[in-house]
Amino acid sequence: MSALQSRARQEDPEQLRLKQKAKEMQQQELAQMRQREANLTALAAIGPRKKKKNLDSPSSSASAEGSGTGSSLTGAAGSSGSRLTRQRITRVNLRDLLFCLENERFTSRSHFLYKGFLK
């Protein structure tokens, strides 16, 4: 009887370790599930992602139609041509313009460049 009790005491720490590992794994799985749910909720709150369409520009739609890759591609290119595409606005400082003019061969000694330096 005492031999069984001593054997049970020796096995107890091993079982406790296994139980502890199992609990840790369960906690990790629960944390991962919560994180996934939080990510999905945040994505749902943000809304659907906007995909960039390469078929909006006229040059790419013409090349897509000319390539003959398929009727679905040409149909998509034709439908995007009816929409108005918004042009991207790039702001340039006077300093940037003067730098470009300085580096160009034809405008490096122009009257316009010298007037820009005076401003």
PDB file of N, CA and C in Angstrom:
ATOM      1  N   MET A   1       0.818  -1.193   0.000  1.00  0.00           N
ATOM      2  CA  MET A   1       0.000   0.000   0.000  1.00  0.00           C
ATOM      3  C   MET A   1       0.864   1.260   0.000  1.00  0.00           C
ATOM      4  N   SER A   2       1.891   1.228   0.849  1.00  0.00           N
ATOM      5  CA  SER A   2       2.764   2.405   0.900  1.00  0.00           C
ATOM      6  C   SER A   2       3.550   2.552  -0.397  1.00  0.00           C
ATOM      7  N   ALA A   3       3.876   1.453  -1.074  1.00  0.00           N
ATOM      8  CA  ALA A   3       4.587   1.511  -2.351  1.00  0.00           C
ATOM      9  C   ALA A   3       3.712   2.163  -3.417  1.00  0.00           C
ATOM     10  N   LEU A   4       2.413   1.876  -3.410  1.00  0.00           N
ATOM     11  CA  LEU A   4       1.506   2.493  -4.371  1.00  0.00           C
ATOM     12  C   LEU A   4       1.369   3.992  -4.127  1.00  0.00           C
ATOM     13  N   GLN A   5       1.329   4.359  -2.852  1.00  0.00           N
ATOM     14  CA  GLN A   5       1.210   5.775  -2.522  1.00  0.00           C
ATOM     15  C   GLN A   5       2.463   6.536  -2.940  1.00  0.00           C
ATOM     16  N   SER A   6       3.624   5.954  -2.726  1.00  0.00           N
ATOM     17  CA  SER A   6       4.853   6.636  -3.118  1.00  0.00           C
ATOM     18  C   SER A   6       4.954   6.741  -4.644  1.00  0.00           C
ATOM     19  N   ARG A   7       4.492   5.686  -5.334  1.00  0.00           N
ATOM     20  CA  ARG A   7       4.508   5.724  -6.804  1.00  0.00           C
ATOM     21  C   ARG A   7       3.535   6.805  -7.302  1.00  0.00           C
ATOM     22  N   ALA A   8       2.374   6.931  -6.685  1.00  0.00           N
ATOM     23  CA  ALA A   8       1.391   7.933  -7.067  1.00  0.00           C
ATOM     24  C   ALA A   8       1.948   9.331  -6.834  1.00  0.00           C
ATOM     25  N   ARG A   9       2.709   9.516  -5.768  1.00  0.00           N
ATOM     26  CA  ARG A   9       3.314  10.824  -5.486  1.00  0.00           C
ATOM     27  C   ARG A   9       4.371  11.167  -6.526  1.00  0.00           C
ATOM     28  N   GLN A  10       5.096  10.182  -7.004  1.00  0.00           N
ATOM     29  CA  GLN A  10       6.127  10.430  -8.000  1.00  0.00           C
ATOM     30  C   GLN A  10       5.501  10.773  -9.362  1.00  0.00           C
ATOM     31  N   GLU A  11       4.377  10.169  -9.677  1.00  0.00           N
ATOM     32  CA  GLU A  11       3.724  10.443 -10.951  1.00  0.00           C
ATOM     33  C   GLU A  11       2.950  11.760 -10.926  1.00  0.00           C
ATOM     34  N   ASP A  12       2.580  12.223  -9.784  1.00  0.00           N
ATOM     35  CA  ASP A  12       1.796  13.443  -9.666  1.00  0.00           C
ATOM     36  C   ASP A  12       2.483  14.655 -10.297  1.00  0.00           C
ATOM     37  N   PRO A  13       3.755  14.928 -10.018  1.00  0.00           N
ATOM     38  CA  PRO A  13       4.384  16.108 -10.641  1.00  0.00           C
ATOM     39  C   PRO A  13       4.368  16.045 -12.170  1.00  0.00           C
ATOM     40  N   GLU A  14       4.529  14.879 -12.730  1.00  0.00           N
ATOM     41  CA  GLU A  14       4.496  14.732 -14.194  1.00  0.00           C
ATOM     42  C   GLU A  14       3.103  15.039 -14.734  1.00  0.00           C
ATOM     43  N   GLN A  15       2.098  14.531 -14.038  1.00  0.00           N
ATOM     44  CA  GLN A  15       0.728  14.812 -14.459  1.00  0.00           C
ATOM     45  C   GLN A  15       0.407  16.291 -14.302  1.00  0.00           C
ATOM     46  N   LEU A  16       0.919  16.875 -13.234  1.00  0.00           N
ATOM     47  CA  LEU A  16       0.692  18.311 -13.034  1.00  0.00           C
ATOM     48  C   LEU A  16       1.331  19.119 -14.163  1.00  0.00           C
ATOM     49  N   ARG A  17       2.515  18.733 -14.595  1.00  0.00           N
ATOM     50  CA  ARG A  17       3.181  19.421 -15.707  1.00  0.00           C
ATOM     51  C   ARG A  17       2.360  19.291 -16.980  1.00  0.00           C
ATOM     52  N   LEU A  18       1.861  18.072 -17.226  1.00  0.00           N
ATOM     53  CA  LEU A  18       1.049  17.863 -18.419  1.00  0.00           C
ATOM     54  C   LEU A  18      -0.229  18.687 -18.366  1.00  0.00           C
ATOM     55  N   LYS A  19      -0.867  18.717 -17.204  1.00  0.00           N
ATOM     56  CA  LYS A  19      -2.083  19.513 -17.061  1.00  0.00           C
ATOM     57  C   LYS A  19      -1.788  20.996 -17.264  1.00  0.00           C
ATOM     58  N   GLN A  20      -0.657  21.444 -16.710  1.00  0.00           N
ATOM     59  CA  GLN A  20      -0.279  22.848 -16.845  1.00  0.00           C
ATOM     60  C   GLN A  20      -0.011  23.201 -18.314  1.00  0.00           C
ATOM     61  N   LYS A  21       0.667  22.306 -19.026  1.00  0.00           N
ATOM     62  CA  LYS A  21       0.930  22.535 -20.451  1.00  0.00           C
ATOM     63  C   LYS A  21      -0.375  22.571 -21.239  1.00  0.00           C
ATOM     64  N   ALA A  22      -1.290  21.684 -20.895  1.00  0.00           N
ATOM     65  CA  ALA A  22      -2.580  21.652 -21.583  1.00  0.00           C
ATOM     66  C   ALA A  22      -3.344  22.953 -21.350  1.00  0.00           C
ATOM     67  N   LYS A  23      -3.314  23.441 -20.105  1.00  0.00           N
ATOM     68  CA  LYS A  23      -3.992  24.703 -19.801  1.00  0.00           C
ATOM     69  C   LYS A  23      -3.359  25.860 -20.567  1.00  0.00           C
ATOM     70  N   GLU A  24      -2.029  25.880 -20.615  1.00  0.00           N
ATOM     71  CA  GLU A  24      -1.336  26.939 -21.352  1.00  0.00           C
ATOM     72  C   GLU A  24      -1.694  26.909 -22.834  1.00  0.00           C
ATOM     73  N   MET A  25      -1.753  25.694 -23.392  1.00  0.00           N
ATOM     74  CA  MET A  25      -2.106  25.574 -24.809  1.00  0.00           C
ATOM     75  C   MET A  25      -3.539  26.039 -25.054  1.00  0.00           C
ATOM     76  N   GLN A  26      -4.432  25.705 -24.147  1.00  0.00           N
ATOM     77  CA  GLN A  26      -5.812  26.156 -24.287  1.00  0.00           C
ATOM     78  C   GLN A  26      -5.901  27.674 -24.204  1.00  0.00           C
ATOM     79  N   GLN A  27      -5.147  28.253 -23.274  1.00  0.00           N
ATOM     80  CA  GLN A  27      -5.154  29.706 -23.148  1.00  0.00           C
ATOM     81  C   GLN A  27      -4.595  30.370 -24.402  1.00  0.00           C
ATOM     82  N   GLN A  28      -3.549  29.779 -24.978  1.00  0.00           N
ATOM     83  CA  GLN A  28      -2.987  30.326 -26.208  1.00  0.00           C
ATOM     84  C   GLN A  28      -3.993  30.240 -27.349  1.00  0.00           C
ATOM     85  N   GLU A  29      -4.677  29.116 -27.458  1.00  0.00           N
ATOM     86  CA  GLU A  29      -5.685  28.956 -28.502  1.00  0.00           C
ATOM     87  C   GLU A  29      -6.816  29.958 -28.327  1.00  0.00           C
ATOM     88  N   LEU A  30      -7.250  30.151 -27.089  1.00  0.00           N
ATOM     89  CA  LEU A  30      -8.311  31.129 -26.826  1.00  0.00           C
ATOM     90  C   LEU A  30      -7.838  32.539 -27.174  1.00  0.00           C
ATOM     91  N   ALA A  31      -6.596  32.857 -26.833  1.00  0.00           N
ATOM     92  CA  ALA A  31      -6.064  34.181 -27.156  1.00  0.00           C
ATOM     93  C   ALA A  31      -5.982  34.383 -28.668  1.00  0.00           C
ATOM     94  N   GLN A  32      -5.577  33.341 -29.384  1.00  0.00           N
ATOM     95  CA  GLN A  32      -5.514  33.436 -30.842  1.00  0.00           C
ATOM     96  C   GLN A  32      -6.905  33.615 -31.443  1.00  0.00           C
ATOM     97  N   MET A  33      -7.866  32.885 -30.913  1.00  0.00           N
ATOM     98  CA  MET A  33      -9.234  33.024 -31.421  1.00  0.00           C
ATOM     99  C   MET A  33      -9.778  34.419 -31.149  1.00  0.00           C
ATOM    100  N   ARG A  34      -9.511  34.939 -29.958  1.00  0.00           N
ATOM    101  CA  ARG A  34      -9.956  36.304 -29.635  1.00  0.00           C
ATOM    102  C   ARG A  34      -9.303  37.323 -30.554  1.00  0.00           C
ATOM    103  N   GLN A  35      -8.021  37.127 -30.822  1.00  0.00           N
ATOM    104  CA  GLN A  35      -7.295  38.040 -31.708  1.00  0.00           C
ATOM    105  C   GLN A  35      -7.880  37.990 -33.120  1.00  0.00           C
ATOM    106  N   ARG A  36      -8.164  36.795 -33.608  1.00  0.00           N
ATOM    107  CA  ARG A  36      -8.773  36.659 -34.941  1.00  0.00           C
ATOM    108  C   ARG A  36     -10.119  37.356 -34.993  1.00  0.00           C
ATOM    109  N   GLU A  37     -10.939  37.140 -33.957  1.00  0.00           N
ATOM    110  CA  GLU A  37     -12.256  37.777 -33.911  1.00  0.00           C
ATOM    111  C   GLU A  37     -12.128  39.292 -33.867  1.00  0.00           C
ATOM    112  N   ALA A  38     -11.160  39.791 -33.101  1.00  0.00           N
ATOM    113  CA  ALA A  38     -10.953  41.236 -33.026  1.00  0.00           C
ATOM    114  C   ALA A  38     -10.506  41.783 -34.380  1.00  0.00           C
ATOM    115  N   ASN A  39      -9.628  41.063 -35.057  1.00  0.00           N
ATOM    116  CA  ASN A  39      -9.159  41.498 -36.378  1.00  0.00           C
ATOM    117  C   ASN A  39     -10.313  41.512 -37.380  1.00  0.00           C
ATOM    118  N   LEU A  40     -11.131  40.472 -37.366  1.00  0.00           N
ATOM    119  CA  LEU A  40     -12.260  40.424 -38.282  1.00  0.00           C
ATOM    120  C   LEU A  40     -13.266  41.527 -37.989  1.00  0.00           C
ATOM    121  N   THR A  41     -13.488  41.807 -36.721  1.00  0.00           N
ATOM    122  CA  THR A  41     -14.398  42.880 -36.343  1.00  0.00           C
ATOM    123  C   THR A  41     -13.863  44.228 -36.805  1.00  0.00           C
ATOM    124  N   ALA A  42     -12.556  44.434 -36.631  1.00  0.00           N
ATOM    125  CA  ALA A  42     -11.952  45.696 -37.068  1.00  0.00           C
ATOM    126  C   ALA A  42     -12.026  45.840 -38.582  1.00  0.00           C
ATOM    127  N   LEU A  43     -11.767  44.764 -39.305  1.00  0.00           N
ATOM    128  CA  LEU A  43     -11.855  44.814 -40.769  1.00  0.00           C
ATOM    129  C   LEU A  43     -13.290  45.079 -41.224  1.00  0.00           C
ATOM    130  N   ALA A  44     -14.241  44.491 -40.526  1.00  0.00           N
ATOM    131  CA  ALA A  44     -15.642  44.724 -40.877  1.00  0.00           C
ATOM    132  C   ALA A  44     -16.030  46.172 -40.612  1.00  0.00           C
ATOM    133  N   ALA A  45     -15.488  46.761 -39.547  1.00  0.00           N
ATOM    134  CA  ALA A  45     -15.788  48.152 -39.222  1.00  0.00           C
ATOM    135  C   ALA A  45     -15.169  49.100 -40.242  1.00  0.00           C
ATOM    136  N   ILE A  46     -13.981  48.763 -40.727  1.00  0.00           N
ATOM    137  CA  ILE A  46     -13.307  49.606 -41.719  1.00  0.00           C
ATOM    138  C   ILE A  46     -14.053  49.571 -43.041  1.00  0.00           C
ATOM    139  N   GLY A  47     -14.510  48.409 -43.431  1.00  0.00           N
ATOM    140  CA  GLY A  47     -15.207  48.262 -44.696  1.00  0.00           C
ATOM    141  C   GLY A  47     -14.352  47.497 -45.684  1.00  0.00           C
ATOM    142  N   PRO A  48     -14.894  47.277 -46.866  1.00  0.00           N
ATOM    143  CA  PRO A  48     -14.145  46.507 -47.861  1.00  0.00           C
ATOM    144  C   PRO A  48     -12.939  47.287 -48.368  1.00  0.00           C
ATOM    145  N   ARG A  49     -11.908  46.539 -48.727  1.00  0.00           N
ATOM    146  CA  ARG A  49     -10.702  47.169 -49.253  1.00  0.00           C
ATOM    147  C   ARG A  49     -10.948  47.637 -50.681  1.00  0.00           C
ATOM    148  N   LYS A  50     -10.369  48.784 -51.002  1.00  0.00           N
ATOM    149  CA  LYS A  50     -10.478  49.286 -52.368  1.00  0.00           C
ATOM    150  C   LYS A  50      -9.297  48.769 -53.157  1.00  0.00           C
ATOM    151  N   LYS A  51      -9.596  48.096 -54.245  1.00  0.00           N
ATOM    152  CA  LYS A  51      -8.534  47.543 -55.065  1.00  0.00           C
ATOM    153  C   LYS A  51      -8.139  48.552 -56.127  1.00  0.00           C
ATOM    154  N   LYS A  52      -6.847  48.648 -56.384  1.00  0.00           N
ATOM    155  CA  LYS A  52      -6.369  49.511 -57.451  1.00  0.00           C
ATOM    156  C   LYS A  52      -6.599  48.812 -58.775  1.00  0.00           C
ATOM    157  N   LYS A  53      -7.186  49.525 -59.713  1.00  0.00           N
ATOM    158  CA  LYS A  53      -7.458  48.940 -61.011  1.00  0.00           C
ATOM    159  C   LYS A  53      -6.479  49.513 -62.021  1.00  0.00           C
ATOM    160  N   ASN A  54      -5.765  48.646 -62.695  1.00  0.00           N
ATOM    161  CA  ASN A  54      -4.819  49.070 -63.712  1.00  0.00           C
ATOM    162  C   ASN A  54      -5.511  49.328 -65.037  1.00  0.00           C
ATOM    163  N   LEU A  55      -6.769  48.954 -65.158  1.00  0.00           N
ATOM    164  CA  LEU A  55      -7.473  49.100 -66.418  1.00  0.00           C
ATOM    165  C   LEU A  55      -8.089  50.484 -66.582  1.00  0.00           C
ATOM    166  N   ASP A  56      -7.957  51.375 -65.596  1.00  0.00           N
ATOM    167  CA  ASP A  56      -8.561  52.697 -65.681  1.00  0.00           C
ATOM    168  C   ASP A  56      -7.859  53.594 -66.694  1.00  0.00           C
ATOM    169  N   SER A  57      -6.563  53.474 -66.844  1.00  0.00           N
ATOM    170  CA  SER A  57      -5.852  54.355 -67.763  1.00  0.00           C
ATOM    171  C   SER A  57      -6.103  53.914 -69.200  1.00  0.00           C
ATOM    172  N   PRO A  58      -6.211  54.869 -70.127  1.00  0.00           N
ATOM    173  CA  PRO A  58      -6.511  54.506 -71.512  1.00  0.00           C
ATOM    174  C   PRO A  58      -5.401  53.685 -72.161  1.00  0.00           C
ATOM    175  N   SER A  59      -4.145  53.926 -71.819  1.00  0.00           N
ATOM    176  CA  SER A  59      -3.062  53.188 -72.463  1.00  0.00           C
ATOM    177  C   SER A  59      -3.066  51.718 -72.049  1.00  0.00           C
ATOM    178  N   SER A  60      -3.371  51.443 -70.781  1.00  0.00           N
ATOM    179  CA  SER A  60      -3.385  50.045 -70.347  1.00  0.00           C
ATOM    180  C   SER A  60      -4.599  49.309 -70.887  1.00  0.00           C
ATOM    181  N   SER A  61      -5.744  50.014 -71.045  1.00  0.00           N
ATOM    182  CA  SER A  61      -6.914  49.332 -71.585  1.00  0.00           C
ATOM    183  C   SER A  61      -6.717  49.026 -73.062  1.00  0.00           C
ATOM    184  N   ALA A  62      -6.033  49.916 -73.773  1.00  0.00           N
ATOM    185  CA  ALA A  62      -5.776  49.659 -75.187  1.00  0.00           C
ATOM    186  C   ALA A  62      -4.821  48.481 -75.343  1.00  0.00           C
ATOM    187  N   SER A  63      -3.820  48.416 -74.482  1.00  0.00           N
ATOM    188  CA  SER A  63      -2.881  47.302 -74.575  1.00  0.00           C
ATOM    189  C   SER A  63      -3.548  45.999 -74.151  1.00  0.00           C
ATOM    190  N   ALA A  64      -4.486  46.063 -73.205  1.00  0.00           N
ATOM    191  CA  ALA A  64      -5.178  44.852 -72.773  1.00  0.00           C
ATOM    192  C   ALA A  64      -6.089  44.347 -73.881  1.00  0.00           C
ATOM    193  N   GLU A  65      -6.738  45.270 -74.600  1.00  0.00           N
ATOM    194  CA  GLU A  65      -7.608  44.835 -75.679  1.00  0.00           C
ATOM    195  C   GLU A  65      -6.782  44.281 -76.830  1.00  0.00           C
ATOM    196  N   GLY A  66      -5.641  44.851 -77.074  1.00  0.00           N
ATOM    197  CA  GLY A  66      -4.805  44.411 -78.179  1.00  0.00           C
ATOM    198  C   GLY A  66      -4.116  43.094 -77.909  1.00  0.00           C
ATOM    199  N   SER A  67      -3.953  42.738 -76.651  1.00  0.00           N
ATOM    200  CA  SER A  67      -3.228  41.511 -76.338  1.00  0.00           C
ATOM    201  C   SER A  67      -4.054  40.274 -76.636  1.00  0.00           C
ATOM    202  N   GLY A  68      -5.384  40.378 -76.580  1.00  0.00           N
ATOM    203  CA  GLY A  68      -6.240  39.248 -76.885  1.00  0.00           C
ATOM    204  C   GLY A  68      -6.167  38.157 -75.843  1.00  0.00           C
ATOM    205  N   THR A  69      -6.098  38.531 -74.559  1.00  0.00           N
ATOM    206  CA  THR A  69      -5.985  37.530 -73.505  1.00  0.00           C
ATOM    207  C   THR A  69      -7.318  36.896 -73.175  1.00  0.00           C
ATOM    208  N   GLY A  70      -8.425  37.566 -73.494  1.00  0.00           N
ATOM    209  CA  GLY A  70      -9.715  36.953 -73.202  1.00  0.00           C
ATOM    210  C   GLY A  70     -10.820  37.970 -73.306  1.00  0.00           C
ATOM    211  N   SER A  71     -12.056  37.490 -73.416  1.00  0.00           N
ATOM    212  CA  SER A  71     -13.176  38.397 -73.588  1.00  0.00           C
ATOM    213  C   SER A  71     -13.529  39.093 -72.278  1.00  0.00           C
ATOM    214  N   SER A  72     -13.272  38.463 -71.128  1.00  0.00           N
ATOM    215  CA  SER A  72     -13.609  39.099 -69.857  1.00  0.00           C
ATOM    216  C   SER A  72     -12.727  40.311 -69.611  1.00  0.00           C
ATOM    217  N   LEU A  73     -11.496  40.256 -70.023  1.00  0.00           N
ATOM    218  CA  LEU A  73     -10.586  41.377 -69.819  1.00  0.00           C
ATOM    219  C   LEU A  73     -10.973  42.540 -70.707  1.00  0.00           C
ATOM    220  N   THR A  74     -11.334  42.278 -71.945  1.00  0.00           N
ATOM    221  CA  THR A  74     -11.705  43.363 -72.842  1.00  0.00           C
ATOM    222  C   THR A  74     -13.035  43.952 -72.429  1.00  0.00           C
ATOM    223  N   GLY A  75     -13.937  43.158 -71.899  1.00  0.00           N
ATOM    224  CA  GLY A  75     -15.217  43.672 -71.429  1.00  0.00           C
ATOM    225  C   GLY A  75     -15.029  44.578 -70.227  1.00  0.00           C
ATOM    226  N   ALA A  76     -14.121  44.217 -69.334  1.00  0.00           N
ATOM    227  CA  ALA A  76     -13.850  45.050 -68.166  1.00  0.00           C
ATOM    228  C   ALA A  76     -13.188  46.345 -68.587  1.00  0.00           C
ATOM    229  N   ALA A  77     -12.334  46.289 -69.594  1.00  0.00           N
ATOM    230  CA  ALA A  77     -11.653  47.483 -70.056  1.00  0.00           C
ATOM    231  C   ALA A  77     -12.645  48.423 -70.721  1.00  0.00           C
ATOM    232  N   GLY A  78     -13.608  47.886 -71.433  1.00  0.00           N
ATOM    233  CA  GLY A  78     -14.595  48.734 -72.093  1.00  0.00           C
ATOM    234  C   GLY A  78     -15.517  49.401 -71.101  1.00  0.00           C
ATOM    235  N   SER A  79     -15.866  48.723 -70.022  1.00  0.00           N
ATOM    236  CA  SER A  79     -16.770  49.305 -69.041  1.00  0.00           C
ATOM    237  C   SER A  79     -16.066  50.362 -68.202  1.00  0.00           C
ATOM    238  N   SER A  80     -14.769  50.225 -67.984  1.00  0.00           N
ATOM    239  CA  SER A  80     -14.059  51.213 -67.169  1.00  0.00           C
ATOM    240  C   SER A  80     -13.810  52.488 -67.955  1.00  0.00           C
ATOM    241  N   GLY A  81     -13.876  52.424 -69.280  1.00  0.00           N
ATOM    242  CA  GLY A  81     -13.652  53.613 -70.091  1.00  0.00           C
ATOM    243  C   GLY A  81     -14.785  54.605 -69.949  1.00  0.00           C
ATOM    244  N   SER A  82     -15.992  54.159 -69.589  1.00  0.00           N
ATOM    245  CA  SER A  82     -17.124  55.060 -69.462  1.00  0.00           C
ATOM    246  C   SER A  82     -17.063  55.868 -68.166  1.00  0.00           C
ATOM    247  N   ARG A  83     -16.345  55.371 -67.177  1.00  0.00           N
ATOM    248  CA  ARG A  83     -16.216  56.106 -65.914  1.00  0.00           C
ATOM    249  C   ARG A  83     -15.173  57.196 -66.036  1.00  0.00           C
ATOM    250  N   LEU A  84     -15.349  58.247 -65.259  1.00  0.00           N
ATOM    251  CA  LEU A  84     -14.335  59.299 -65.218  1.00  0.00           C
ATOM    252  C   LEU A  84     -13.261  58.904 -64.219  1.00  0.00           C
ATOM    253  N   THR A  85     -12.023  59.002 -64.632  1.00  0.00           N
ATOM    254  CA  THR A  85     -10.926  58.668 -63.731  1.00  0.00           C
ATOM    255  C   THR A  85     -10.397  59.944 -63.114  1.00  0.00           C
ATOM    256  N   ARG A  86     -10.091  59.873 -61.862  1.00  0.00           N
ATOM    257  CA  ARG A  86      -9.600  61.039 -61.138  1.00  0.00           C
ATOM    258  C   ARG A  86      -8.099  61.112 -61.296  1.00  0.00           C
ATOM    259  N   GLN A  87      -7.614  62.249 -61.731  1.00  0.00           N
ATOM    260  CA  GLN A  87      -6.182  62.411 -61.919  1.00  0.00           C
ATOM    261  C   GLN A  87      -5.518  62.718 -60.584  1.00  0.00           C
ATOM    262  N   ARG A  88      -4.299  62.260 -60.449  1.00  0.00           N
ATOM    263  CA  ARG A  88      -3.552  62.475 -59.221  1.00  0.00           C
ATOM    264  C   ARG A  88      -2.861  63.830 -59.284  1.00  0.00           C
ATOM    265  N   ILE A  89      -2.990  64.596 -58.222  1.00  0.00           N
ATOM    266  CA  ILE A  89      -2.398  65.931 -58.167  1.00  0.00           C
ATOM    267  C   ILE A  89      -1.088  65.850 -57.403  1.00  0.00           C
ATOM    268  N   THR A  90      -0.029  66.384 -58.006  1.00  0.00           N
ATOM    269  CA  THR A  90       1.274  66.416 -57.359  1.00  0.00           C
ATOM    270  C   THR A  90       1.677  67.870 -57.160  1.00  0.00           C
ATOM    271  N   ARG A  91       2.000  68.208 -55.936  1.00  0.00           N
ATOM    272  CA  ARG A  91       2.421  69.579 -55.650  1.00  0.00           C
ATOM    273  C   ARG A  91       3.934  69.674 -55.720  1.00  0.00           C
ATOM    274  N   VAL A  92       4.396  70.770 -56.306  1.00  0.00           N
ATOM    275  CA  VAL A  92       5.822  70.971 -56.488  1.00  0.00           C
ATOM    276  C   VAL A  92       6.181  72.344 -55.919  1.00  0.00           C
ATOM    277  N   ASN A  93       7.252  72.406 -55.153  1.00  0.00           N
ATOM    278  CA  ASN A  93       7.742  73.681 -54.634  1.00  0.00           C
ATOM    279  C   ASN A  93       8.577  74.386 -55.688  1.00  0.00           C
ATOM    280  N   LEU A  94       8.755  75.694 -55.508  1.00  0.00           N
ATOM    281  CA  LEU A  94       9.591  76.462 -56.423  1.00  0.00           C
ATOM    282  C   LEU A  94      11.024  75.961 -56.376  1.00  0.00           C
ATOM    283  N   ARG A  95      11.477  75.553 -55.197  1.00  0.00           N
ATOM    284  CA  ARG A  95      12.836  75.040 -55.054  1.00  0.00           C
ATOM    285  C   ARG A  95      13.040  73.768 -55.889  1.00  0.00           C
ATOM    286  N   ASP A  96      12.012  72.889 -55.897  1.00  0.00           N
ATOM    287  CA  ASP A  96      12.090  71.675 -56.706  1.00  0.00           C
ATOM    288  C   ASP A  96      12.149  72.001 -58.192  1.00  0.00           C
ATOM    289  N   LEU A  97      11.327  72.965 -58.594  1.00  0.00           N
ATOM    290  CA  LEU A  97      11.309  73.368 -59.999  1.00  0.00           C
ATOM    291  C   LEU A  97      12.657  73.953 -60.409  1.00  0.00           C
ATOM    292  N   LEU A  98      13.220  74.791 -59.560  1.00  0.00           N
ATOM    293  CA  LEU A  98      14.526  75.393 -59.871  1.00  0.00           C
ATOM    294  C   LEU A  98      15.616  74.331 -59.951  1.00  0.00           C
ATOM    295  N   PHE A  99      15.542  73.338 -59.084  1.00  0.00           N
ATOM    296  CA  PHE A  99      16.519  72.256 -59.125  1.00  0.00           C
ATOM    297  C   PHE A  99      16.441  71.503 -60.452  1.00  0.00           C
ATOM    298  N   CYS A 100      15.222  71.208 -60.891  1.00  0.00           N
ATOM    299  CA  CYS A 100      15.057  70.496 -62.168  1.00  0.00           C
ATOM    300  C   CYS A 100      15.538  71.348 -63.335  1.00  0.00           C
ATOM    301  N   LEU A 101      15.223  72.632 -63.285  1.00  0.00           N
ATOM    302  CA  LEU A 101      15.654  73.521 -64.373  1.00  0.00           C
ATOM    303  C   LEU A 101      17.176  73.643 -64.425  1.00  0.00           C
ATOM    304  N   GLU A 102      17.813  73.644 -63.264  1.00  0.00           N
ATOM    305  CA  GLU A 102      19.275  73.717 -63.223  1.00  0.00           C
ATOM    306  C   GLU A 102      19.920  72.499 -63.862  1.00  0.00           C
ATOM    307  N   ASN A 103      19.311  71.341 -63.661  1.00  0.00           N
ATOM    308  CA  ASN A 103      19.906  70.096 -64.140  1.00  0.00           C
ATOM    309  C   ASN A 103      19.622  69.821 -65.608  1.00  0.00           C
ATOM    310  N   GLU A 104      18.639  70.489 -66.179  1.00  0.00           N
ATOM    311  CA  GLU A 104      18.350  70.312 -67.598  1.00  0.00           C
ATOM    312  C   GLU A 104      19.344  71.114 -68.433  1.00  0.00           C
ATOM    313  N   ARG A 105      19.742  70.532 -69.519  1.00  0.00           N
ATOM    314  CA  ARG A 105      20.758  71.151 -70.373  1.00  0.00           C
ATOM    315  C   ARG A 105      20.226  72.430 -71.028  1.00  0.00           C
ATOM    316  N   PHE A 106      18.983  72.396 -71.489  1.00  0.00           N
ATOM    317  CA  PHE A 106      18.443  73.531 -72.243  1.00  0.00           C
ATOM    318  C   PHE A 106      17.984  74.668 -71.341  1.00  0.00           C
ATOM    319  N   THR A 107      17.637  74.386 -70.103  1.00  0.00           N
ATOM    320  CA  THR A 107      17.107  75.434 -69.219  1.00  0.00           C
ATOM    321  C   THR A 107      18.093  75.865 -68.146  1.00  0.00           C
ATOM    322  N   SER A 108      19.319  75.332 -68.167  1.00  0.00           N
ATOM    323  CA  SER A 108      20.267  75.661 -67.100  1.00  0.00           C
ATOM    324  C   SER A 108      20.717  77.128 -67.137  1.00  0.00           C
ATOM    325  N   ARG A 109      20.643  77.779 -68.289  1.00  0.00           N
ATOM    326  CA  ARG A 109      21.019  79.194 -68.394  1.00  0.00           C
ATOM    327  C   ARG A 109      19.858  80.050 -68.888  1.00  0.00           C
ATOM    328  N   SER A 110      18.642  79.641 -68.603  1.00  0.00           N
ATOM    329  CA  SER A 110      17.483  80.365 -69.119  1.00  0.00           C
ATOM    330  C   SER A 110      17.153  81.575 -68.249  1.00  0.00           C
ATOM    331  N   HIS A 111      16.448  82.494 -68.868  1.00  0.00           N
ATOM    332  CA  HIS A 111      16.013  83.710 -68.184  1.00  0.00           C
ATOM    333  C   HIS A 111      15.002  83.357 -67.082  1.00  0.00           C
ATOM    334  N   PHE A 112      14.187  82.385 -67.356  1.00  0.00           N
ATOM    335  CA  PHE A 112      13.184  81.930 -66.392  1.00  0.00           C
ATOM    336  C   PHE A 112      13.840  81.412 -65.111  1.00  0.00           C
ATOM    337  N   LEU A 113      14.947  80.696 -65.239  1.00  0.00           N
ATOM    338  CA  LEU A 113      15.666  80.157 -64.083  1.00  0.00           C
ATOM    339  C   LEU A 113      16.231  81.283 -63.232  1.00  0.00           C
ATOM    340  N   TYR A 114      16.804  82.295 -63.869  1.00  0.00           N
ATOM    341  CA  TYR A 114      17.371  83.425 -63.122  1.00  0.00           C
ATOM    342  C   TYR A 114      16.281  84.208 -62.409  1.00  0.00           C
ATOM    343  N   LYS A 115      15.139  84.359 -63.027  1.00  0.00           N
ATOM    344  CA  LYS A 115      14.014  85.041 -62.358  1.00  0.00           C
ATOM    345  C   LYS A 115      13.558  84.241 -61.138  1.00  0.00           C
ATOM    346  N   GLY A 116      13.582  82.915 -61.264  1.00  0.00           N
ATOM    347  CA  GLY A 116      13.189  82.070 -60.136  1.00  0.00           C
ATOM    348  C   GLY A 116      14.127  82.208 -58.958  1.00  0.00           C
ATOM    349  N   PHE A 117      15.429  82.386 -59.231  1.00  0.00           N
ATOM    350  CA  PHE A 117      16.399  82.561 -58.147  1.00  0.00           C
ATOM    351  C   PHE A 117      16.183  83.886 -57.415  1.00  0.00           C
ATOM    352  N   LEU A 118      15.672  84.899 -58.091  1.00  0.00           N
ATOM    353  CA  LEU A 118      15.441  86.209 -57.483  1.00  0.00           C
ATOM    354  C   LEU A 118      14.255  86.197 -56.536  1.00  0.00           C
ATOM    355  N   LYS A 119      13.361  85.269 -56.678  1.00  0.00           N
ATOM    356  CA  LYS A 119      12.152  85.227 -55.815  1.00  0.00           C
ATOM    357  C   LYS A 119      12.443  84.612 -54.491  1.00  0.00           C
TER     358      LYS A 119
END
